[in-house]
N, C-alpha and C. Protein backbone atom coordinates (compact mmCIF):
# COMPACT_ATOMS: atom_id res chain seq x y z
N MET A 1 -4.93 33.91 -7.93
CA MET A 1 -3.95 32.93 -8.27
C MET A 1 -4.64 32.49 -9.67
N PHE A 2 -3.75 32.10 -10.58
CA PHE A 2 -4.45 31.28 -11.95
C PHE A 2 -4.40 29.92 -11.73
N GLU A 3 -5.25 29.03 -12.20
CA GLU A 3 -4.80 27.61 -12.27
C GLU A 3 -4.65 27.22 -13.45
N LEU A 4 -4.17 26.23 -14.00
CA LEU A 4 -4.54 25.38 -15.21
C LEU A 4 -5.84 24.87 -15.10
N PRO A 5 -6.55 24.53 -15.91
CA PRO A 5 -7.74 23.67 -15.98
C PRO A 5 -6.86 21.84 -15.88
N ILE A 6 -7.65 21.50 -15.26
CA ILE A 6 -6.84 19.92 -15.01
C ILE A 6 -7.91 18.93 -15.64
N TYR A 7 -7.44 17.82 -16.40
CA TYR A 7 -8.18 16.84 -17.19
C TYR A 7 -7.90 15.59 -16.77
N TRP A 8 -8.23 14.62 -16.67
CA TRP A 8 -8.48 13.38 -16.89
C TRP A 8 -6.84 12.61 -16.91
N SER A 9 -6.54 13.04 -17.82
CA SER A 9 -4.90 12.38 -17.68
C SER A 9 -3.60 13.18 -17.06
N ASP A 10 -4.08 14.07 -15.89
CA ASP A 10 -3.64 14.63 -15.27
C ASP A 10 -3.06 14.09 -14.16
N TYR A 11 -3.08 12.35 -13.95
CA TYR A 11 -2.88 11.54 -12.43
C TYR A 11 -2.46 12.50 -11.62
N GLU A 12 -1.17 12.70 -11.61
CA GLU A 12 -0.33 13.61 -10.68
C GLU A 12 -0.96 14.70 -9.75
N ASP A 13 -1.57 15.65 -10.86
CA ASP A 13 -2.37 16.92 -10.60
C ASP A 13 -3.45 16.61 -9.63
N ILE A 14 -4.12 15.66 -9.99
CA ILE A 14 -5.47 15.12 -9.45
C ILE A 14 -5.12 14.44 -8.29
N ALA A 15 -4.12 13.32 -7.99
CA ALA A 15 -3.81 13.03 -6.78
C ALA A 15 -3.50 13.84 -5.91
N MET A 16 -2.42 15.04 -6.29
CA MET A 16 -2.17 16.28 -5.31
C MET A 16 -3.20 16.89 -4.83
N LYS A 17 -4.75 16.98 -5.40
CA LYS A 17 -5.52 17.55 -5.43
C LYS A 17 -6.43 16.95 -3.75
N LEU A 18 -6.33 15.58 -4.24
CA LEU A 18 -7.01 14.51 -3.11
C LEU A 18 -6.34 14.30 -2.02
N TYR A 19 -5.07 14.52 -2.07
CA TYR A 19 -4.19 14.93 -0.61
C TYR A 19 -4.53 16.03 0.01
N GLU A 20 -4.56 16.97 -0.47
CA GLU A 20 -4.54 17.99 0.06
C GLU A 20 -6.45 18.03 1.00
N ARG A 21 -6.96 17.29 0.05
CA ARG A 21 -8.29 17.50 0.37
C ARG A 21 -8.69 16.35 1.60
N PHE A 22 -7.68 15.47 1.73
CA PHE A 22 -7.90 14.17 2.50
C PHE A 22 -6.89 14.13 3.24
N GLY A 23 -5.12 14.34 2.95
CA GLY A 23 -4.91 14.47 3.43
C GLY A 23 -4.23 13.05 4.52
N TYR A 24 -4.28 12.84 5.96
CA TYR A 24 -3.62 11.87 6.67
C TYR A 24 -5.47 10.78 6.94
N ASP A 25 -6.59 11.46 6.35
CA ASP A 25 -7.40 10.72 6.63
C ASP A 25 -7.68 8.87 5.73
N PHE A 26 -7.06 9.21 4.40
CA PHE A 26 -6.48 7.67 4.04
C PHE A 26 -5.23 7.64 3.87
N ASN A 27 -4.72 6.52 4.14
CA ASN A 27 -3.62 5.94 4.31
C ASN A 27 -3.48 4.91 2.72
N GLU A 28 -2.62 4.26 2.61
CA GLU A 28 -2.22 3.86 1.16
C GLU A 28 -3.22 2.52 1.17
N SER A 29 -3.43 2.03 2.24
CA SER A 29 -4.05 0.26 2.39
C SER A 29 -6.04 1.22 2.03
N LYS A 30 -6.33 2.23 2.78
CA LYS A 30 -7.62 2.88 2.34
C LYS A 30 -7.67 3.26 1.14
N ILE A 31 -6.55 4.31 0.51
CA ILE A 31 -6.65 4.31 -0.91
C ILE A 31 -6.93 3.75 -1.97
N TYR A 32 -6.47 2.38 -1.57
CA TYR A 32 -6.94 1.23 -2.78
C TYR A 32 -7.90 0.63 -2.24
N ARG A 33 -8.87 0.91 -1.26
CA ARG A 33 -10.06 0.34 -1.21
C ARG A 33 -11.08 1.46 -1.12
N ILE A 34 -11.26 2.26 -1.61
CA ILE A 34 -12.10 3.40 -2.31
C ILE A 34 -13.01 2.88 -3.34
N ARG A 35 -13.85 2.90 -3.44
CA ARG A 35 -14.39 2.45 -4.53
C ARG A 35 -14.62 3.87 -5.61
N PHE A 36 -14.49 3.15 -6.82
CA PHE A 36 -14.51 3.78 -8.17
C PHE A 36 -15.50 4.70 -8.13
N THR A 37 -16.89 4.52 -7.73
CA THR A 37 -17.96 5.95 -8.12
C THR A 37 -17.85 6.61 -7.12
N GLU A 38 -17.22 6.48 -5.63
CA GLU A 38 -17.01 7.12 -4.70
C GLU A 38 -15.23 8.35 -5.28
N LEU A 39 -14.73 7.78 -5.87
CA LEU A 39 -13.40 8.29 -6.53
C LEU A 39 -13.86 9.39 -7.51
N LEU A 40 -14.55 8.68 -8.49
CA LEU A 40 -14.89 9.65 -9.67
C LEU A 40 -15.84 10.89 -9.06
N GLU A 41 -16.82 10.70 -8.10
CA GLU A 41 -17.57 11.76 -7.33
C GLU A 41 -16.35 12.90 -6.78
N TRP A 42 -15.26 12.70 -6.42
CA TRP A 42 -14.40 13.53 -5.49
C TRP A 42 -13.34 14.15 -6.85
N VAL A 43 -13.26 13.16 -8.02
CA VAL A 43 -12.75 13.90 -8.86
C VAL A 43 -13.25 14.79 -9.62
N LEU A 44 -14.56 15.10 -9.62
CA LEU A 44 -15.66 15.95 -10.90
C LEU A 44 -15.36 17.12 -9.71
N GLU A 45 -15.43 17.21 -7.99
CA GLU A 45 -15.48 18.52 -7.34
C GLU A 45 -14.47 19.16 -7.57
N ILE A 46 -13.39 18.58 -7.88
CA ILE A 46 -11.77 19.11 -7.92
C ILE A 46 -12.18 20.50 -8.34
N PRO A 47 -11.78 22.00 -7.89
CA PRO A 47 -11.43 22.86 -8.72
C PRO A 47 -10.85 23.02 -9.84
N HIS A 48 -11.25 23.86 -10.74
CA HIS A 48 -10.79 23.38 -12.12
C HIS A 48 -10.61 22.41 -13.23
N PHE A 49 -10.93 20.86 -12.20
CA PHE A 49 -11.15 19.97 -12.93
C PHE A 49 -12.26 20.14 -14.44
N LYS A 50 -11.62 19.96 -15.30
CA LYS A 50 -12.60 19.91 -16.75
C LYS A 50 -13.47 18.47 -17.77
N GLY A 51 -12.66 17.57 -17.07
CA GLY A 51 -13.28 16.49 -17.29
C GLY A 51 -14.56 16.15 -17.09
N THR A 52 -15.50 14.95 -18.10
CA THR A 52 -16.50 15.06 -17.43
C THR A 52 -16.84 13.69 -17.17
N ARG A 53 -17.73 13.54 -16.70
CA ARG A 53 -18.20 11.91 -16.34
C ARG A 53 -18.23 11.15 -17.03
N GLU A 54 -18.50 11.14 -18.49
CA GLU A 54 -18.30 10.32 -19.39
C GLU A 54 -17.01 10.10 -20.16
N GLU A 55 -15.97 10.99 -19.92
CA GLU A 55 -14.94 11.06 -20.27
C GLU A 55 -14.42 9.90 -19.21
N SER A 56 -14.66 9.61 -18.12
CA SER A 56 -13.95 8.47 -16.84
C SER A 56 -14.07 7.49 -17.22
N ASN A 57 -13.10 6.62 -16.87
CA ASN A 57 -12.69 4.98 -17.26
C ASN A 57 -12.32 4.25 -16.20
N GLU A 58 -12.00 3.08 -16.11
CA GLU A 58 -11.64 2.65 -14.90
C GLU A 58 -9.86 2.90 -14.92
N GLY A 59 -9.58 2.94 -16.09
CA GLY A 59 -8.09 2.92 -16.02
C GLY A 59 -7.37 4.02 -15.77
N HIS A 60 -8.32 5.07 -15.86
CA HIS A 60 -8.28 6.60 -15.32
C HIS A 60 -7.92 6.57 -13.61
N LEU A 61 -9.45 5.74 -13.39
CA LEU A 61 -8.93 5.76 -12.02
C LEU A 61 -8.15 5.20 -11.29
N GLU A 62 -7.86 4.00 -11.88
CA GLU A 62 -6.30 3.40 -11.04
C GLU A 62 -5.29 3.98 -11.25
N MET A 63 -4.84 4.70 -12.40
CA MET A 63 -4.00 5.27 -12.25
C MET A 63 -4.02 6.69 -11.23
N ILE A 64 -5.17 7.10 -11.13
CA ILE A 64 -5.29 8.18 -10.17
C ILE A 64 -4.97 7.60 -8.51
N GLN A 65 -5.89 6.71 -8.60
CA GLN A 65 -5.53 6.12 -7.47
C GLN A 65 -3.71 5.82 -6.99
N ALA A 66 -3.56 5.40 -7.97
CA ALA A 66 -1.96 4.70 -7.56
C ALA A 66 -1.10 5.91 -7.53
N GLN A 67 -1.45 6.54 -8.20
CA GLN A 67 -0.30 8.58 -7.85
C GLN A 67 -0.95 8.65 -6.72
N TRP A 68 -2.33 8.78 -6.24
CA TRP A 68 -2.49 9.24 -5.03
C TRP A 68 -1.80 8.68 -3.78
N VAL A 69 -1.18 7.33 -3.83
CA VAL A 69 -0.92 6.32 -2.75
C VAL A 69 0.67 7.04 -3.03
N TYR A 70 1.63 7.29 -4.35
CA TYR A 70 2.54 7.40 -4.10
C TYR A 70 2.66 9.26 -3.51
N GLU A 71 1.80 9.79 -3.82
CA GLU A 71 1.91 11.28 -2.96
C GLU A 71 1.32 11.06 -1.44
N TRP A 72 0.86 9.86 -1.34
CA TRP A 72 0.88 10.05 0.30
C TRP A 72 2.43 9.37 0.69
N ARG A 73 2.60 8.39 -0.01
CA ARG A 73 3.70 7.83 0.40
C ARG A 73 4.89 8.82 0.86
N ASP A 74 5.21 9.95 -0.23
CA ASP A 74 5.91 10.30 -0.16
C ASP A 74 6.00 11.90 0.71
N ASN A 75 4.55 12.12 1.27
CA ASN A 75 4.35 13.12 2.27
C ASN A 75 4.39 12.57 3.62
N ASN A 76 4.55 11.26 3.51
CA ASN A 76 4.65 9.94 5.19
C ASN A 76 6.16 9.32 5.23
N ARG A 77 6.72 10.16 4.69
CA ARG A 77 8.30 9.07 5.30
C ARG A 77 8.93 9.41 6.82
């Protein structure tokens, strides 16, 4: 199956991949307590992710974290 590349601004796609990987291991409060250094590593490990460590910034990581919470909420209603 062909998958499009994922970049830093693809917050929803990244959040979906993180939810697929971690599922119930992280609830809303735990997601917001993840260190950005750890989150950065997890994002860089996503298959087809084409962003670089140097392109990351706090704003991207905050948006990814927020989208991950929305994804978790959508799947846990």
